[in-house]
């Protein structure tokens, strides 16, 4: 789904979830990279951003065109094989981003 900003949302459940997927182990990447993932989510897909009027959106999501994006911001990752570093969990909480794996487990405090 394309937004008025031109950004494309990985997955959207209207009024419930705005999902961005990253296929990475958070403990295995640089802290700065993980923080960047978290900080970019509210910048790229902020609640309130308008769903664009595009041919694809009109075909697939006609009822959503022109509507504001609504829902919780989710960073979806694979099942994590090591604990998610506390600094990443804390930053996610600060930004109101939920880190969740593909099986539905949430990584929080």
C-alpha atoms as a PDB file:
ATOM      1  CA  UNK A   1       0.000   0.000   0.000  1.00  0.00           C
ATOM      2  CA  UNK A   2       1.415   3.338  -1.066  1.00  0.00           C
ATOM      3  CA  UNK A   3       1.147   6.414   1.148  1.00  0.00           C
ATOM      4  CA  UNK A   4       0.882  10.050   0.085  1.00  0.00           C
ATOM      5  CA  UNK A   5       4.590  10.391   0.930  1.00  0.00           C
ATOM      6  CA  UNK A   6       5.394   7.726  -1.678  1.00  0.00           C
ATOM      7  CA  UNK A   7       6.467   5.223   0.971  1.00  0.00           C
ATOM      8  CA  UNK A   8       5.138   1.664   0.716  1.00  0.00           C
ATOM      9  CA  UNK A   9       3.909  -0.069   3.884  1.00  0.00           C
ATOM     10  CA  UNK A  10       4.940  -3.726   4.248  1.00  0.00           C
ATOM     11  CA  UNK A  11       1.640  -4.680   5.872  1.00  0.00           C
ATOM     12  CA  UNK A  12      -1.382  -2.806   7.186  1.00  0.00           C
ATOM     13  CA  UNK A  13      -4.348  -3.918   9.247  1.00  0.00           C
ATOM     14  CA  UNK A  14      -6.541  -0.782   9.343  1.00  0.00           C
ATOM     15  CA  UNK A  15      -6.938   0.668  12.806  1.00  0.00           C
ATOM     16  CA  UNK A  16      -4.791  -2.069  14.327  1.00  0.00           C
ATOM     17  CA  UNK A  17      -1.275  -2.423  12.898  1.00  0.00           C
ATOM     18  CA  UNK A  18       1.225  -0.647  10.679  1.00  0.00           C
ATOM     19  CA  UNK A  19       3.944  -3.239  10.038  1.00  0.00           C
ATOM     20  CA  UNK A  20       7.488  -2.915   8.749  1.00  0.00           C
ATOM     21  CA  UNK A  21       9.502  -6.108   8.286  1.00  0.00           C
ATOM     22  CA  UNK A  22      13.236  -6.482   8.787  1.00  0.00           C
ATOM     23  CA  UNK A  23      14.801  -9.878   8.226  1.00  0.00           C
ATOM     24  CA  UNK A  24      17.558  -9.630  10.810  1.00  0.00           C
ATOM     25  CA  UNK A  25      18.726 -10.790  14.200  1.00  0.00           C
ATOM     26  CA  UNK A  26      18.714  -7.616  16.297  1.00  0.00           C
ATOM     27  CA  UNK A  27      21.494  -8.829  18.615  1.00  0.00           C
ATOM     28  CA  UNK A  28      23.758  -9.530  15.613  1.00  0.00           C
ATOM     29  CA  UNK A  29      23.702  -6.074  14.017  1.00  0.00           C
ATOM     30  CA  UNK A  30      25.237  -2.786  15.085  1.00  0.00           C
ATOM     31  CA  UNK A  31      23.238  -0.973  17.736  1.00  0.00           C
ATOM     32  CA  UNK A  32      23.097   2.093  15.471  1.00  0.00           C
ATOM     33  CA  UNK A  33      21.524   0.026  12.688  1.00  0.00           C
ATOM     34  CA  UNK A  34      18.820  -1.360  14.972  1.00  0.00           C
ATOM     35  CA  UNK A  35      18.131   2.107  16.374  1.00  0.00           C
ATOM     36  CA  UNK A  36      17.822   3.397  12.820  1.00  0.00           C
ATOM     37  CA  UNK A  37      15.205   0.746  12.041  1.00  0.00           C
ATOM     38  CA  UNK A  38      13.184   1.828  15.065  1.00  0.00           C
ATOM     39  CA  UNK A  39      13.517   5.563  14.438  1.00  0.00           C
ATOM     40  CA  UNK A  40      12.619   5.270  10.768  1.00  0.00           C
ATOM     41  CA  UNK A  41       9.312   3.508  11.364  1.00  0.00           C
ATOM     42  CA  UNK A  42       7.441   6.504  12.853  1.00  0.00           C
ATOM     43  CA  UNK A  43       9.087   8.763  10.254  1.00  0.00           C
ATOM     44  CA  UNK A  44       8.159   6.592   7.255  1.00  0.00           C
ATOM     45  CA  UNK A  45       4.728   5.394   8.401  1.00  0.00           C
ATOM     46  CA  UNK A  46       3.358   7.857  10.950  1.00  0.00           C
ATOM     47  CA  UNK A  47      -0.223   7.328  12.064  1.00  0.00           C
ATOM     48  CA  UNK A  48      -2.233   9.973  10.241  1.00  0.00           C
ATOM     49  CA  UNK A  49      -0.284   9.715   6.964  1.00  0.00           C
ATOM     50  CA  UNK A  50      -2.778   9.572   4.104  1.00  0.00           C
ATOM     51  CA  UNK A  51      -3.170   6.466   1.954  1.00  0.00           C
ATOM     52  CA  UNK A  52      -2.445   7.609  -1.596  1.00  0.00           C
ATOM     53  CA  UNK A  53      -4.867   7.613  -4.490  1.00  0.00           C
ATOM     54  CA  UNK A  54      -2.921   5.338  -6.861  1.00  0.00           C
ATOM     55  CA  UNK A  55      -4.179   2.846  -9.451  1.00  0.00           C
ATOM     56  CA  UNK A  56      -2.897  -0.054  -7.341  1.00  0.00           C
ATOM     57  CA  UNK A  57      -4.455   1.267  -4.124  1.00  0.00           C
ATOM     58  CA  UNK A  58      -7.766   1.956  -5.904  1.00  0.00           C
ATOM     59  CA  UNK A  59      -7.774  -1.624  -7.213  1.00  0.00           C
ATOM     60  CA  UNK A  60      -6.706  -3.391  -4.007  1.00  0.00           C
ATOM     61  CA  UNK A  61      -7.880  -1.040  -1.233  1.00  0.00           C
ATOM     62  CA  UNK A  62     -10.591   1.277  -2.629  1.00  0.00           C
ATOM     63  CA  UNK A  63     -12.180   1.755   0.800  1.00  0.00           C
ATOM     64  CA  UNK A  64      -8.875   3.000   2.261  1.00  0.00           C
ATOM     65  CA  UNK A  65      -7.827   5.544  -0.392  1.00  0.00           C
ATOM     66  CA  UNK A  66      -7.651   9.011   1.158  1.00  0.00           C
ATOM     67  CA  UNK A  67      -7.952   7.644   4.681  1.00  0.00           C
ATOM     68  CA  UNK A  68      -5.345   8.281   7.381  1.00  0.00           C
ATOM     69  CA  UNK A  69      -3.048   5.466   8.431  1.00  0.00           C
ATOM     70  CA  UNK A  70      -4.170   4.242  11.869  1.00  0.00           C
ATOM     71  CA  UNK A  71      -2.775   1.600  14.195  1.00  0.00           C
ATOM     72  CA  UNK A  72       0.129   0.510  16.347  1.00  0.00           C
ATOM     73  CA  UNK A  73       3.584   0.580  14.790  1.00  0.00           C
ATOM     74  CA  UNK A  74       5.118  -2.897  14.601  1.00  0.00           C
ATOM     75  CA  UNK A  75       8.676  -3.866  13.668  1.00  0.00           C
ATOM     76  CA  UNK A  76       8.368  -7.504  12.627  1.00  0.00           C
ATOM     77  CA  UNK A  77      11.502  -9.652  12.725  1.00  0.00           C
ATOM     78  CA  UNK A  78      12.324 -13.360  12.495  1.00  0.00           C
ATOM     79  CA  UNK A  79      12.316 -15.398  15.703  1.00  0.00           C
ATOM     80  CA  UNK A  80      15.297 -14.028  17.606  1.00  0.00           C
ATOM     81  CA  UNK A  81      17.989 -16.565  18.500  1.00  0.00           C
ATOM     82  CA  UNK A  82      19.576 -14.297  21.123  1.00  0.00           C
ATOM     83  CA  UNK A  83      18.065 -11.802  23.550  1.00  0.00           C
ATOM     84  CA  UNK A  84      17.223  -8.428  22.039  1.00  0.00           C
ATOM     85  CA  UNK A  85      19.617  -5.902  23.611  1.00  0.00           C
ATOM     86  CA  UNK A  86      17.943  -3.837  26.348  1.00  0.00           C
ATOM     87  CA  UNK A  87      18.840  -0.529  24.654  1.00  0.00           C
ATOM     88  CA  UNK A  88      16.855  -1.601  21.584  1.00  0.00           C
ATOM     89  CA  UNK A  89      13.867  -2.669  23.672  1.00  0.00           C
ATOM     90  CA  UNK A  90      13.957   0.630  25.580  1.00  0.00           C
ATOM     91  CA  UNK A  91      14.168   2.714  22.391  1.00  0.00           C
ATOM     92  CA  UNK A  92      11.218   0.809  20.908  1.00  0.00           C
ATOM     93  CA  UNK A  93       9.152   1.591  24.018  1.00  0.00           C
ATOM     94  CA  UNK A  94      10.161   5.263  23.859  1.00  0.00           C
ATOM     95  CA  UNK A  95       9.018   5.448  20.213  1.00  0.00           C
ATOM     96  CA  UNK A  96       5.831   3.423  20.794  1.00  0.00           C
ATOM     97  CA  UNK A  97       7.069   0.722  18.422  1.00  0.00           C
ATOM     98  CA  UNK A  98       6.394  -2.931  19.225  1.00  0.00           C
ATOM     99  CA  UNK A  99       9.094  -5.423  18.253  1.00  0.00           C
ATOM    100  CA  UNK A 100       7.385  -8.679  17.342  1.00  0.00           C
ATOM    101  CA  UNK A 101       8.611 -11.852  15.704  1.00  0.00           C
ATOM    102  CA  UNK A 102       6.890 -13.766  12.920  1.00  0.00           C
ATOM    103  CA  UNK A 103       5.356 -16.133  15.496  1.00  0.00           C
ATOM    104  CA  UNK A 104       3.761 -13.263  17.415  1.00  0.00           C
ATOM    105  CA  UNK A 105       6.183 -13.053  20.346  1.00  0.00           C
ATOM    106  CA  UNK A 106       6.694  -9.473  21.483  1.00  0.00           C
ATOM    107  CA  UNK A 107      10.111  -8.388  22.698  1.00  0.00           C
ATOM    108  CA  UNK A 108       9.520  -5.855  25.434  1.00  0.00           C
ATOM    109  CA  UNK A 109      10.627  -5.064  28.944  1.00  0.00           C
END
